[in-house]
C-alpha atoms as a PDB file:
ATOM      1  CA  MET A   1    -151.832  25.750  79.866  1.00  0.00           C
ATOM      2  CA  THR A   2    -155.534  25.322  79.322  1.00  0.00           C
ATOM      3  CA  HIS A   3    -155.767  27.752  76.431  1.00  0.00           C
ATOM      4  CA  MET A   4    -153.369  25.597  74.396  1.00  0.00           C
ATOM      5  CA  CYS A   5    -153.444  21.993  75.615  1.00  0.00           C
ATOM      6  CA  ASP A   6    -157.106  21.386  76.359  1.00  0.00           C
ATOM      7  CA  ASN A   7    -158.165  23.176  73.197  1.00  0.00           C
ATOM      8  CA  SER A   8    -156.088  20.682  71.205  1.00  0.00           C
ATOM      9  CA  ILE A   9    -156.474  17.457  73.149  1.00  0.00           C
ATOM     10  CA  ALA A  10    -160.225  17.553  73.892  1.00  0.00           C
ATOM     11  CA  PRO A  11    -161.361  18.040  70.264  1.00  0.00           C
ATOM     12  CA  GLY A  12    -158.830  15.471  69.062  1.00  0.00           C
ATOM     13  CA  ALA A  13    -160.010  12.858  71.543  1.00  0.00           C
ATOM     14  CA  PHE A  14    -163.659  13.675  70.765  1.00  0.00           C
ATOM     15  CA  ASN A  15    -163.028  13.278  67.027  1.00  0.00           C
ATOM     16  CA  LEU A  16    -161.458   9.869  67.709  1.00  0.00           C
ATOM     17  CA  GLY A  17    -164.679   8.776  69.421  1.00  0.00           C
ATOM     18  CA  PHE A  18    -163.715   9.182  73.076  1.00  0.00           C
ATOM     19  CA  ASN A  19    -166.092  10.515  75.725  1.00  0.00           C
ATOM     20  CA  VAL A  20    -163.984  13.373  77.058  1.00  0.00           C
ATOM     21  CA  THR A  21    -163.987  14.758  80.588  1.00  0.00           C
ATOM     22  CA  VAL A  22    -161.839  17.728  81.580  1.00  0.00           C
ATOM     23  CA  VAL A  23    -161.276  18.327  85.289  1.00  0.00           C
ATOM     24  CA  ALA A  24    -161.322  22.121  85.318  1.00  0.00           C
ATOM     25  CA  ASN A  25    -159.518  22.670  88.599  1.00  0.00           C
ATOM     26  CA  ALA A  26    -156.755  20.296  87.509  1.00  0.00           C
ATOM     27  CA  THR A  27    -155.916  22.698  84.680  1.00  0.00           C
ATOM     28  CA  ALA A  28    -154.278  26.085  84.702  1.00  0.00           C
ATOM     29  CA  SER A  29    -153.460  28.922  82.408  1.00  0.00           C
ATOM     30  CA  ARG A  30    -151.463  32.133  82.482  1.00  0.00           C
ATOM     31  CA  PRO A  31    -152.274  35.750  81.760  1.00  0.00           C
ATOM     32  CA  VAL A  32    -152.573  36.330  78.011  1.00  0.00           C
ATOM     33  CA  VAL A  33    -151.995  39.605  76.179  1.00  0.00           C
ATOM     34  CA  GLN A  34    -154.838  40.314  73.791  1.00  0.00           C
ATOM     35  CA  SER A  35    -152.927  41.607  70.785  1.00  0.00           C
ATOM     36  CA  ASP A  36    -155.880  43.371  69.206  1.00  0.00           C
ATOM     37  CA  GLN A  37    -156.564  45.430  72.338  1.00  0.00           C
ATOM     38  CA  GLY A  38    -153.199  45.440  74.093  1.00  0.00           C
ATOM     39  CA  THR A  39    -154.870  44.427  77.333  1.00  0.00           C
ATOM     40  CA  VAL A  40    -153.993  41.503  79.576  1.00  0.00           C
ATOM     41  CA  LEU A  41    -156.536  38.765  80.204  1.00  0.00           C
ATOM     42  CA  SER A  42    -156.071  37.312  83.707  1.00  0.00           C
ATOM     43  CA  ALA A  43    -155.079  33.676  84.128  1.00  0.00           C
ATOM     44  CA  GLN A  44    -158.497  32.806  85.537  1.00  0.00           C
ATOM     45  CA  ALA A  45    -160.327  34.579  82.707  1.00  0.00           C
ATOM     46  CA  SER A  46    -158.040  32.928  80.144  1.00  0.00           C
ATOM     47  CA  GLN A  47    -158.763  29.506  81.597  1.00  0.00           C
ATOM     48  CA  GLU A  48    -162.524  30.042  81.684  1.00  0.00           C
ATOM     49  CA  ARG A  49    -162.573  31.460  78.160  1.00  0.00           C
ATOM     50  CA  SER A  50    -160.663  28.395  76.958  1.00  0.00           C
ATOM     51  CA  LEU A  51    -162.905  25.896  78.725  1.00  0.00           C
ATOM     52  CA  THR A  52    -166.142  27.378  77.363  1.00  0.00           C
ATOM     53  CA  PRO A  53    -165.939  25.976  73.795  1.00  0.00           C
ATOM     54  CA  THR A  54    -164.610  22.697  75.180  1.00  0.00           C
ATOM     55  CA  ARG A  55    -167.641  22.513  77.500  1.00  0.00           C
ATOM     56  CA  VAL A  56    -170.087  23.389  74.728  1.00  0.00           C
ATOM     57  CA  LEU A  57    -168.694  21.221  71.931  1.00  0.00           C
ATOM     58  CA  TYR A  58    -166.420  18.401  73.051  1.00  0.00           C
ATOM     59  CA  ALA A  59    -166.376  17.459  76.698  1.00  0.00           C
ATOM     60  CA  VAL A  60    -167.889  17.343  80.116  1.00  0.00           C
ATOM     61  CA  VAL A  61    -166.028  19.966  82.158  1.00  0.00           C
ATOM     62  CA  ALA A  62    -166.177  19.120  85.848  1.00  0.00           C
ATOM     63  CA  ASP A  63    -164.566  20.241  89.075  1.00  0.00           C
ATOM     64  CA  CYS A  64    -162.985  17.794  91.471  1.00  0.00           C
ATOM     65  CA  SER A  65    -161.927  18.329  95.033  1.00  0.00           C
ATOM     66  CA  GLY A  66    -160.528  16.417  97.955  1.00  0.00           C
ATOM     67  CA  ARG A  67    -158.016  13.597  97.860  1.00  0.00           C
ATOM     68  CA  LEU A  68    -158.634  12.713  94.205  1.00  0.00           C
ATOM     69  CA  LEU A  69    -157.462  16.038  92.725  1.00  0.00           C
ATOM     70  CA  PRO A  70    -153.690  15.603  93.304  1.00  0.00           C
ATOM     71  CA  ARG A  71    -153.828  12.134  91.745  1.00  0.00           C
ATOM     72  CA  LEU A  72    -155.776  13.372  88.706  1.00  0.00           C
ATOM     73  CA  THR A  73    -153.353  16.261  88.270  1.00  0.00           C
ATOM     74  CA  SER A  74    -150.409  13.871  88.408  1.00  0.00           C
ATOM     75  CA  MET A  75    -152.062  11.565  85.876  1.00  0.00           C
ATOM     76  CA  ALA A  76    -152.783  14.493  83.535  1.00  0.00           C
ATOM     77  CA  ILE A  77    -149.176  15.654  83.700  1.00  0.00           C
ATOM     78  CA  SER A  78    -147.946  12.135  82.951  1.00  0.00           C
ATOM     79  CA  LEU A  79    -150.377  11.752  80.057  1.00  0.00           C
ATOM     80  CA  GLY A  80    -149.354  15.126  78.678  1.00  0.00           C
ATOM     81  CA  LYS A  81    -145.703  14.084  78.721  1.00  0.00           C
ATOM     82  CA  ILE A  82    -146.512  10.817  76.936  1.00  0.00           C
ATOM     83  CA  MET A  83    -148.618  12.598  74.310  1.00  0.00           C
ATOM     84  CA  SER A  84    -145.957  15.249  73.731  1.00  0.00           C
ATOM     85  CA  LEU A  85    -143.531  12.436  72.908  1.00  0.00           C
ATOM     86  CA  GLY A  86    -145.980  11.197  70.283  1.00  0.00           C
ATOM     87  CA  PHE A  87    -146.697   7.792  71.781  1.00  0.00           C
ATOM     88  CA  LEU A  88    -150.459   8.247  71.696  1.00  0.00           C
ATOM     89  CA  LEU A  89    -150.865  10.508  68.684  1.00  0.00           C
END
């Protein structure tokens, strides 16, 4: 979920000196309840709200289409699994 993963990984990679690129349409989020208002933020709005500080501060946020997108998505999932096991952190 973009609002959790990208907001942790992109700043961490940036702080380690990496040039970070986030492929926006290879990420996803879910609807989020805004506890202070009791309203639900749509999945699309949640994703965009999460990518904004990443775009401004830490990374190039780009869209990708065509044959490359499924491969990038698969690579991101694999990398996420490796990082969650602590091999890269």
